[in-house]
Amino acid sequence: MCGCFGRIANIWNRKRNGISSIVAGALFFSAWWIVLDTAIVADKKDWTNDYFILTVASTVSMVMLNAVSLTSQIRARNLEEPQSVLGVKGTALWLLIASILSVLCVFASYWLLIAGYIFIVGEHVLWPGVTLISHNLMIALSSLFCKFGRIEDLTVIENSDLMEIQD
């Protein structure tokens, strides 16, 4: 049993960047596919194109979160020496703002579902609001996979290449 899990862990370590990138890309593509499909299919009384502001803000938060490298910025050896234009503290603030924006987009999508679809009296559909929530959750998960699923340390990548050669 340990041999099987050991092999899975070895495959994960060797192919971690590729797997994380594929999962993040699939989530991002699926999220935009769902929201564009909803915008096309939904009735005009159930969907307004103003909701795209929230979806674009969620995408901007993903770009902001993945624009900086954790290895070179946050884990700097010398905190006094700036590694980039923002420096270490500026990069930490940038990541904080991006994370807050991502969480706010998810909360705003829940708010739009409740205010725009659940508390409305009369005949209407709920699925455009659910689509908005699923879109923002998928973008947030895509950001996390892309940011924290990949390895940026070159020594780990070189060691995994050596392990692949030895196998």
Protein backbone atom coordinates (compact mmCIF):
# COMPACT_ATOMS: atom_id res chain seq x y z
CA MET A 1 0.00 0.00 0.00
CA CYS A 2 2.80 2.43 0.82
CA GLY A 3 4.44 1.67 -2.50
CA CYS A 4 1.34 2.77 -4.40
CA PHE A 5 1.06 6.05 -2.49
CA GLY A 6 4.78 6.57 -2.80
CA ARG A 7 4.53 6.26 -6.58
CA ILE A 8 1.58 8.66 -6.71
CA ALA A 9 3.52 11.15 -4.59
CA ASN A 10 6.55 10.73 -6.87
CA ILE A 11 4.42 11.40 -9.97
CA TRP A 12 2.85 14.42 -8.26
CA ASN A 13 6.27 15.83 -7.36
CA ARG A 14 7.60 15.38 -10.88
CA LYS A 15 4.54 16.67 -12.72
CA ARG A 16 3.23 19.14 -10.15
CA ASN A 17 3.61 22.28 -12.28
CA GLY A 18 1.91 20.71 -15.27
CA ILE A 19 -0.98 19.24 -13.32
CA SER A 20 -1.59 22.48 -11.41
CA SER A 21 -1.49 24.55 -14.59
CA ILE A 22 -3.91 22.23 -16.39
CA VAL A 23 -6.37 22.21 -13.48
CA ALA A 24 -6.18 26.01 -13.11
CA GLY A 25 -6.65 26.54 -16.83
CA ALA A 26 -9.59 24.12 -16.99
CA LEU A 27 -11.30 25.84 -14.06
CA PHE A 28 -10.72 29.29 -15.55
CA PHE A 29 -11.99 28.25 -18.99
CA SER A 30 -15.03 26.47 -17.53
CA ALA A 31 -15.90 29.45 -15.38
CA TRP A 32 -15.92 31.85 -18.31
CA TRP A 33 -17.73 29.32 -20.50
CA ILE A 34 -20.51 28.99 -17.94
CA VAL A 35 -20.99 32.73 -17.46
CA LEU A 36 -20.92 33.48 -21.20
CA ASP A 37 -23.41 30.69 -21.83
CA THR A 38 -25.67 32.13 -19.16
CA ALA A 39 -25.44 35.60 -20.65
CA ILE A 40 -26.47 34.23 -24.04
CA VAL A 41 -29.20 31.80 -22.97
CA ALA A 42 -30.84 33.61 -20.04
CA ASP A 43 -33.80 35.91 -20.55
CA LYS A 44 -33.16 39.64 -20.33
CA LYS A 45 -35.38 39.87 -17.24
CA ASP A 46 -33.25 37.25 -15.43
CA TRP A 47 -29.76 38.44 -16.45
CA THR A 48 -28.17 41.83 -16.82
CA ASN A 49 -24.80 42.39 -18.43
CA ASP A 50 -23.82 44.49 -15.41
CA TYR A 51 -22.90 41.18 -13.77
CA PHE A 52 -19.86 41.08 -16.04
CA ILE A 53 -18.30 43.76 -13.82
CA LEU A 54 -18.11 41.18 -11.05
CA THR A 55 -16.71 38.51 -13.34
CA VAL A 56 -14.04 40.83 -14.71
CA ALA A 57 -13.11 41.91 -11.17
CA SER A 58 -12.69 38.26 -10.25
CA THR A 59 -10.41 37.73 -13.25
CA VAL A 60 -8.39 40.85 -12.35
CA SER A 61 -7.90 39.47 -8.83
CA MET A 62 -6.59 36.23 -10.35
CA VAL A 63 -4.12 38.12 -12.53
CA MET A 64 -3.02 40.24 -9.57
CA LEU A 65 -2.52 37.19 -7.39
CA ASN A 66 -0.44 35.37 -9.98
CA ALA A 67 1.56 38.39 -11.15
CA VAL A 68 4.12 38.10 -8.37
CA SER A 69 6.43 35.24 -7.53
CA LEU A 70 6.32 33.92 -3.98
CA THR A 71 9.87 32.64 -4.13
CA SER A 72 11.58 35.82 -5.22
CA GLN A 73 9.39 38.33 -3.42
CA ILE A 74 7.93 37.06 -0.16
CA ARG A 75 10.67 34.61 0.78
CA ALA A 76 13.49 37.11 0.22
CA ARG A 77 16.63 36.48 2.22
CA ASN A 78 17.34 40.12 2.96
CA LEU A 79 14.26 42.15 3.83
CA GLU A 80 16.18 45.42 3.63
CA GLU A 81 17.08 44.99 -0.04
CA PRO A 82 14.14 45.52 -2.41
CA GLN A 83 13.86 42.70 -4.94
CA SER A 84 11.54 44.57 -7.32
CA VAL A 85 9.69 47.83 -7.78
CA LEU A 86 7.30 47.08 -4.91
CA GLY A 87 9.80 45.43 -2.59
CA VAL A 88 8.89 42.71 -0.14
CA LYS A 89 6.34 44.72 1.86
CA GLY A 90 4.73 46.11 -1.28
CA THR A 91 4.43 42.62 -2.74
CA ALA A 92 2.81 41.34 0.45
CA LEU A 93 0.35 44.23 0.27
CA TRP A 94 -0.31 43.47 -3.41
CA LEU A 95 -1.08 39.83 -2.58
CA LEU A 96 -3.34 40.91 0.29
CA ILE A 97 -5.32 43.26 -1.95
CA ALA A 98 -5.65 40.55 -4.62
CA SER A 99 -6.86 38.01 -2.06
CA ILE A 100 -9.36 40.46 -0.58
CA LEU A 101 -10.68 41.29 -4.05
CA SER A 102 -11.12 37.60 -4.83
CA VAL A 103 -13.03 36.95 -1.61
CA LEU A 104 -15.15 40.08 -2.10
CA CYS A 105 -16.13 38.88 -5.58
CA VAL A 106 -17.30 35.56 -4.15
CA PHE A 107 -19.30 37.32 -1.40
CA ALA A 108 -20.79 39.76 -3.91
CA SER A 109 -21.95 36.87 -6.09
CA TYR A 110 -23.73 35.34 -3.06
CA TRP A 111 -25.29 38.72 -2.36
CA LEU A 112 -26.49 39.03 -5.95
CA LEU A 113 -28.03 35.56 -5.77
CA ILE A 114 -29.88 36.33 -2.57
CA ALA A 115 -30.97 39.88 -3.46
CA GLY A 116 -31.58 39.37 -7.15
CA TYR A 117 -33.01 35.88 -7.35
CA ILE A 118 -34.16 34.49 -4.00
CA PHE A 119 -36.03 37.47 -2.49
CA ILE A 120 -37.78 38.37 -5.74
CA VAL A 121 -41.51 37.60 -5.67
CA GLY A 122 -43.03 36.00 -8.72
CA GLU A 123 -42.00 33.62 -11.45
CA HIS A 124 -38.29 33.64 -12.15
CA VAL A 125 -35.37 31.28 -12.40
CA LEU A 126 -32.49 30.87 -9.95
CA TRP A 127 -29.84 29.38 -12.22
CA PRO A 128 -28.30 32.68 -13.42
CA GLY A 129 -27.46 33.53 -9.78
CA VAL A 130 -26.07 30.07 -9.17
CA THR A 131 -24.00 30.48 -12.34
CA LEU A 132 -22.56 33.71 -10.98
CA ILE A 133 -21.54 32.01 -7.73
CA SER A 134 -20.03 29.00 -9.49
CA HIS A 135 -18.11 31.30 -11.84
CA ASN A 136 -16.54 33.29 -9.02
CA LEU A 137 -15.75 30.18 -6.97
CA MET A 138 -14.11 28.53 -9.97
CA ILE A 139 -12.00 31.62 -10.68
CA ALA A 140 -10.93 31.77 -7.01
CA LEU A 141 -10.00 28.07 -7.03
CA SER A 142 -8.15 28.56 -10.30
CA SER A 143 -6.14 31.35 -8.70
CA LEU A 144 -5.23 29.15 -5.76
CA PHE A 145 -4.23 26.21 -7.97
CA CYS A 146 -2.12 28.43 -10.18
CA LYS A 147 -0.47 30.24 -7.28
CA PHE A 148 0.12 27.55 -4.68
CA GLY A 149 0.06 24.37 -6.75
CA ARG A 150 3.20 25.13 -8.71
CA ILE A 151 6.80 24.87 -7.53
CA GLU A 152 9.02 27.86 -8.17
CA ASP A 153 12.15 26.54 -6.45
CA LEU A 154 14.62 25.47 -9.11
CA THR A 155 16.47 23.04 -6.83
CA VAL A 156 13.29 21.00 -6.33
CA ILE A 157 12.68 20.88 -10.07
CA GLU A 158 16.29 19.85 -10.72
CA ASN A 159 16.08 17.14 -8.05
CA SER A 160 12.84 15.80 -9.55
CA ASP A 161 14.55 15.67 -12.96
CA LEU A 162 17.36 13.67 -11.39
CA MET A 163 14.81 11.31 -9.80
CA GLU A 164 13.21 10.85 -13.24
CA ILE A 165 16.56 9.96 -14.80
CA GLN A 166 17.30 7.44 -12.03
CA ASP A 167 13.89 5.72 -12.52
